[in-house]
Amino acid sequence: MPILFYFVTWIAVTFTQIVIVPRLAVLGIFPDILTAVVVLIALRHGRLTSVWLAFALAVSVDLLDPQKMGWMTLLISIMAYCVGIVRDTIYIDNPWFEATMILLATFLYQLAYRFFPEPQFFLDNFPKMLAVSFFIAVYTVAVVGLGVWILRQRFNFREVL
């Protein structure tokens, strides 16, 4: 069962991130479904599972959308490992904690993803990059929170999500 779950998650998240998310963009702000799913998997299943799934998801998205090949894979894998460590030390089974972790992880991931390829451009436009990263994180929490709430209420997926 877990292998089938991870495979379906991999296909669904890759499809959603590449095909559906660009159509949800509002003024260049888009939800980062990949980061949110990796955080949820890390909080539910631990750091080893989340690192492997994060690596597979990020490589898939990188291969389908190769703008900055490799940066996404590296940053998502590091983020999955760090969230897994948080799960091992201070995890609280609470939707607010999960939403806060998604917000924080998405915000930090977006900042790092914008900084590392072009540090000078990032520093020259720091206020704009900070605002865009924050709005992406908030939009991600809103979209993913709504989706997880619907799945938990409608299909009773409390243990998985």
C-alpha atoms as a PDB file:
ATOM      1  CA  MET A   1       0.000   0.000   0.000  1.00  0.00           C
ATOM      2  CA  PRO A   2       2.641   2.641   0.804  1.00  0.00           C
ATOM      3  CA  ILE A   3       4.444   2.142  -2.513  1.00  0.00           C
ATOM      4  CA  LEU A   4       1.207   2.607  -4.431  1.00  0.00           C
ATOM      5  CA  PHE A   5       0.411   5.700  -2.340  1.00  0.00           C
ATOM      6  CA  TYR A   6       3.840   7.209  -3.054  1.00  0.00           C
ATOM      7  CA  PHE A   7       3.583   6.430  -6.762  1.00  0.00           C
ATOM      8  CA  VAL A   8       0.125   8.000  -7.055  1.00  0.00           C
ATOM      9  CA  THR A   9       1.337  10.990  -5.036  1.00  0.00           C
ATOM     10  CA  TRP A  10       4.336  11.368  -7.328  1.00  0.00           C
ATOM     11  CA  ILE A  11       2.210  11.331 -10.493  1.00  0.00           C
ATOM     12  CA  ALA A  12      -0.534  13.584  -9.071  1.00  0.00           C
ATOM     13  CA  VAL A  13       1.835  16.212  -7.644  1.00  0.00           C
ATOM     14  CA  THR A  14       3.999  16.340 -10.762  1.00  0.00           C
ATOM     15  CA  PHE A  15       0.931  16.762 -12.962  1.00  0.00           C
ATOM     16  CA  THR A  16      -0.571  19.373 -10.650  1.00  0.00           C
ATOM     17  CA  GLN A  17       2.641  21.403 -10.355  1.00  0.00           C
ATOM     18  CA  ILE A  18       3.308  21.445 -14.114  1.00  0.00           C
ATOM     19  CA  VAL A  19      -0.200  21.634 -15.593  1.00  0.00           C
ATOM     20  CA  ILE A  20      -2.668  23.057 -13.059  1.00  0.00           C
ATOM     21  CA  VAL A  21      -0.603  25.438 -10.891  1.00  0.00           C
ATOM     22  CA  PRO A  22       0.386  27.825 -13.737  1.00  0.00           C
ATOM     23  CA  ARG A  23      -3.324  28.374 -14.408  1.00  0.00           C
ATOM     24  CA  LEU A  24      -3.904  29.357 -10.774  1.00  0.00           C
ATOM     25  CA  ALA A  25      -1.389  32.221 -10.943  1.00  0.00           C
ATOM     26  CA  VAL A  26      -2.630  35.610  -9.799  1.00  0.00           C
ATOM     27  CA  LEU A  27      -0.305  38.481 -10.798  1.00  0.00           C
ATOM     28  CA  GLY A  28       2.630  36.065 -10.960  1.00  0.00           C
ATOM     29  CA  ILE A  29       1.863  34.562  -7.543  1.00  0.00           C
ATOM     30  CA  PHE A  30       1.195  30.826  -7.655  1.00  0.00           C
ATOM     31  CA  PRO A  31       0.753  28.098  -5.056  1.00  0.00           C
ATOM     32  CA  ASP A  32       3.718  25.762  -4.576  1.00  0.00           C
ATOM     33  CA  ILE A  33       1.962  22.413  -4.289  1.00  0.00           C
ATOM     34  CA  LEU A  34       5.240  20.483  -4.465  1.00  0.00           C
ATOM     35  CA  THR A  35       6.652  22.090  -1.338  1.00  0.00           C
ATOM     36  CA  ALA A  36       3.401  21.667   0.579  1.00  0.00           C
ATOM     37  CA  VAL A  37       3.105  17.972  -0.265  1.00  0.00           C
ATOM     38  CA  VAL A  38       6.721  17.369   0.709  1.00  0.00           C
ATOM     39  CA  VAL A  39       6.113  19.099   4.063  1.00  0.00           C
ATOM     40  CA  LEU A  40       2.976  17.037   4.696  1.00  0.00           C
ATOM     41  CA  ILE A  41       4.776  13.794   3.813  1.00  0.00           C
ATOM     42  CA  ALA A  42       7.718  14.769   6.032  1.00  0.00           C
ATOM     43  CA  LEU A  43       5.403  15.517   8.951  1.00  0.00           C
ATOM     44  CA  ARG A  44       3.454  12.274   8.542  1.00  0.00           C
ATOM     45  CA  HIS A  45       6.085   9.740   7.427  1.00  0.00           C
ATOM     46  CA  GLY A  46       9.477  11.028   8.570  1.00  0.00           C
ATOM     47  CA  ARG A  47      12.614  12.389   7.007  1.00  0.00           C
ATOM     48  CA  LEU A  48      13.890   9.382   5.043  1.00  0.00           C
ATOM     49  CA  THR A  49      10.642   8.829   3.158  1.00  0.00           C
ATOM     50  CA  SER A  50      10.208  12.544   2.557  1.00  0.00           C
ATOM     51  CA  VAL A  51      13.743  12.998   1.222  1.00  0.00           C
ATOM     52  CA  TRP A  52      13.299  10.195  -1.305  1.00  0.00           C
ATOM     53  CA  LEU A  53       9.877  11.400  -2.377  1.00  0.00           C
ATOM     54  CA  ALA A  54      11.066  15.020  -2.505  1.00  0.00           C
ATOM     55  CA  PHE A  55      13.991  14.025  -4.687  1.00  0.00           C
ATOM     56  CA  ALA A  56      11.746  12.075  -7.088  1.00  0.00           C
ATOM     57  CA  LEU A  57       9.171  14.872  -7.244  1.00  0.00           C
ATOM     58  CA  ALA A  58      11.740  17.614  -7.766  1.00  0.00           C
ATOM     59  CA  VAL A  59      13.634  15.695 -10.454  1.00  0.00           C
ATOM     60  CA  SER A  60      10.350  15.068 -12.276  1.00  0.00           C
ATOM     61  CA  VAL A  61       9.392  18.728 -12.162  1.00  0.00           C
ATOM     62  CA  ASP A  62      12.938  19.791 -13.091  1.00  0.00           C
ATOM     63  CA  LEU A  63      12.935  17.520 -16.133  1.00  0.00           C
ATOM     64  CA  LEU A  64       9.535  18.765 -17.280  1.00  0.00           C
ATOM     65  CA  ASP A  65      10.303  22.438 -16.579  1.00  0.00           C
ATOM     66  CA  PRO A  66      14.120  22.819 -16.785  1.00  0.00           C
ATOM     67  CA  GLN A  67      14.547  26.535 -16.065  1.00  0.00           C
ATOM     68  CA  LYS A  68      16.969  26.147 -13.171  1.00  0.00           C
ATOM     69  CA  MET A  69      17.869  22.482 -13.369  1.00  0.00           C
ATOM     70  CA  GLY A  70      18.996  20.984 -10.079  1.00  0.00           C
ATOM     71  CA  TRP A  71      18.289  23.884  -7.724  1.00  0.00           C
ATOM     72  CA  MET A  72      14.782  22.696  -7.010  1.00  0.00           C
ATOM     73  CA  THR A  73      15.961  19.146  -6.361  1.00  0.00           C
ATOM     74  CA  LEU A  74      18.670  20.235  -3.948  1.00  0.00           C
ATOM     75  CA  LEU A  75      16.541  22.728  -2.027  1.00  0.00           C
ATOM     76  CA  ILE A  76      13.454  20.494  -1.794  1.00  0.00           C
ATOM     77  CA  SER A  77      15.548  17.567  -0.540  1.00  0.00           C
ATOM     78  CA  ILE A  78      17.237  19.726   2.120  1.00  0.00           C
ATOM     79  CA  MET A  79      13.874  21.157   3.126  1.00  0.00           C
ATOM     80  CA  ALA A  80      12.349  17.663   3.415  1.00  0.00           C
ATOM     81  CA  TYR A  81      15.195  16.543   5.652  1.00  0.00           C
ATOM     82  CA  CYS A  82      14.872  19.631   7.885  1.00  0.00           C
ATOM     83  CA  VAL A  83      11.094  19.227   8.228  1.00  0.00           C
ATOM     84  CA  GLY A  84      11.672  15.563   9.040  1.00  0.00           C
ATOM     85  CA  ILE A  85      13.986  16.627  11.863  1.00  0.00           C
ATOM     86  CA  VAL A  86      11.278  18.992  13.136  1.00  0.00           C
ATOM     87  CA  ARG A  87       8.850  16.063  13.078  1.00  0.00           C
ATOM     88  CA  ASP A  88      11.223  13.957  15.161  1.00  0.00           C
ATOM     89  CA  THR A  89      11.756  16.680  17.764  1.00  0.00           C
ATOM     90  CA  ILE A  90       8.636  18.862  18.160  1.00  0.00           C
ATOM     91  CA  TYR A  91       5.826  17.452  16.013  1.00  0.00           C
ATOM     92  CA  ILE A  92       2.298  18.275  17.164  1.00  0.00           C
ATOM     93  CA  ASP A  93      -0.604  16.508  15.426  1.00  0.00           C
ATOM     94  CA  ASN A  94      -2.530  19.686  14.779  1.00  0.00           C
ATOM     95  CA  PRO A  95      -3.721  21.286  11.495  1.00  0.00           C
ATOM     96  CA  TRP A  96      -2.450  24.693  12.646  1.00  0.00           C
ATOM     97  CA  PHE A  97       1.030  23.293  13.189  1.00  0.00           C
ATOM     98  CA  GLU A  98       0.973  21.718   9.727  1.00  0.00           C
ATOM     99  CA  ALA A  99      -0.223  24.966   8.145  1.00  0.00           C
ATOM    100  CA  THR A 100       2.488  26.913   9.965  1.00  0.00           C
ATOM    101  CA  MET A 101       5.128  24.451   8.802  1.00  0.00           C
ATOM    102  CA  ILE A 102       3.891  24.693   5.200  1.00  0.00           C
ATOM    103  CA  LEU A 103       3.963  28.502   5.412  1.00  0.00           C
ATOM    104  CA  LEU A 104       7.444  28.626   6.917  1.00  0.00           C
ATOM    105  CA  ALA A 105       8.940  25.954   4.652  1.00  0.00           C
ATOM    106  CA  THR A 106       7.432  27.448   1.488  1.00  0.00           C
ATOM    107  CA  PHE A 107       8.594  30.942   2.418  1.00  0.00           C
ATOM    108  CA  LEU A 108      12.166  29.816   3.148  1.00  0.00           C
ATOM    109  CA  TYR A 109      12.251  27.595   0.059  1.00  0.00           C
ATOM    110  CA  GLN A 110      11.072  30.436  -2.192  1.00  0.00           C
ATOM    111  CA  LEU A 111      13.664  32.811  -0.744  1.00  0.00           C
ATOM    112  CA  ALA A 112      16.466  30.287  -1.260  1.00  0.00           C
ATOM    113  CA  TYR A 113      15.212  29.349  -4.741  1.00  0.00           C
ATOM    114  CA  ARG A 114      15.316  33.004  -5.767  1.00  0.00           C
ATOM    115  CA  PHE A 115      18.638  33.772  -4.064  1.00  0.00           C
ATOM    116  CA  PHE A 116      21.030  30.986  -5.092  1.00  0.00           C
ATOM    117  CA  PRO A 117      20.875  31.198  -8.920  1.00  0.00           C
ATOM    118  CA  GLU A 118      21.356  35.003  -9.024  1.00  0.00           C
ATOM    119  CA  PRO A 119      22.387  36.493  -5.651  1.00  0.00           C
ATOM    120  CA  GLN A 120      23.070  39.994  -6.966  1.00  0.00           C
ATOM    121  CA  PHE A 121      19.680  40.264  -8.669  1.00  0.00           C
ATOM    122  CA  PHE A 122      18.023  38.995  -5.482  1.00  0.00           C
ATOM    123  CA  LEU A 123      19.802  41.538  -3.288  1.00  0.00           C
ATOM    124  CA  ASP A 124      19.049  44.390  -5.685  1.00  0.00           C
ATOM    125  CA  ASN A 125      15.330  43.522  -5.583  1.00  0.00           C
ATOM    126  CA  PHE A 126      15.176  42.265  -1.998  1.00  0.00           C
ATOM    127  CA  PRO A 127      11.860  43.889  -0.908  1.00  0.00           C
ATOM    128  CA  LYS A 128      10.069  42.586  -3.998  1.00  0.00           C
ATOM    129  CA  MET A 129      11.567  39.089  -3.633  1.00  0.00           C
ATOM    130  CA  LEU A 130      10.596  39.016   0.045  1.00  0.00           C
ATOM    131  CA  ALA A 131       7.009  40.063  -0.720  1.00  0.00           C
ATOM    132  CA  VAL A 132       6.610  37.609  -3.614  1.00  0.00           C
ATOM    133  CA  SER A 133       7.979  34.740  -1.516  1.00  0.00           C
ATOM    134  CA  PHE A 134       5.620  35.605   1.334  1.00  0.00           C
ATOM    135  CA  PHE A 135       2.562  35.832  -0.926  1.00  0.00           C
ATOM    136  CA  ILE A 136       3.437  32.510  -2.582  1.00  0.00           C
ATOM    137  CA  ALA A 137       3.663  30.920   0.873  1.00  0.00           C
ATOM    138  CA  VAL A 138       0.303  32.361   1.962  1.00  0.00           C
ATOM    139  CA  TYR A 139      -1.366  31.325  -1.310  1.00  0.00           C
ATOM    140  CA  THR A 140       0.081  27.826  -0.938  1.00  0.00           C
ATOM    141  CA  VAL A 141      -1.264  27.467   2.602  1.00  0.00           C
ATOM    142  CA  ALA A 142      -4.702  28.648   1.464  1.00  0.00           C
ATOM    143  CA  VAL A 143      -4.934  26.293  -1.521  1.00  0.00           C
ATOM    144  CA  VAL A 144      -3.384  23.254   0.152  1.00  0.00           C
ATOM    145  CA  GLY A 145      -5.255  23.832   3.407  1.00  0.00           C
ATOM    146  CA  LEU A 146      -8.548  23.904   1.537  1.00  0.00           C
ATOM    147  CA  GLY A 147      -7.614  20.790  -0.441  1.00  0.00           C
ATOM    148  CA  VAL A 148      -6.502  18.822   2.612  1.00  0.00           C
ATOM    149  CA  TRP A 149      -9.590  19.884   4.550  1.00  0.00           C
ATOM    150  CA  ILE A 150     -11.867  18.714   1.709  1.00  0.00           C
ATOM    151  CA  LEU A 151     -10.025  15.385   1.414  1.00  0.00           C
ATOM    152  CA  ARG A 152     -10.121  14.795   5.167  1.00  0.00           C
ATOM    153  CA  GLN A 153     -13.826  15.642   5.448  1.00  0.00           C
ATOM    154  CA  ARG A 154     -15.060  13.990   2.275  1.00  0.00           C
ATOM    155  CA  PHE A 155     -12.929  10.846   2.067  1.00  0.00           C
ATOM    156  CA  ASN A 156     -11.766  10.480   5.696  1.00  0.00           C
ATOM    157  CA  PHE A 157      -8.031  10.547   4.861  1.00  0.00           C
ATOM    158  CA  ARG A 158      -6.971  11.571   8.362  1.00  0.00           C
ATOM    159  CA  GLU A 159      -4.069   9.121   8.684  1.00  0.00           C
ATOM    160  CA  VAL A 160      -2.550   9.798   5.265  1.00  0.00           C
ATOM    161  CA  LEU A 161      -2.851  13.573   5.031  1.00  0.00           C
END
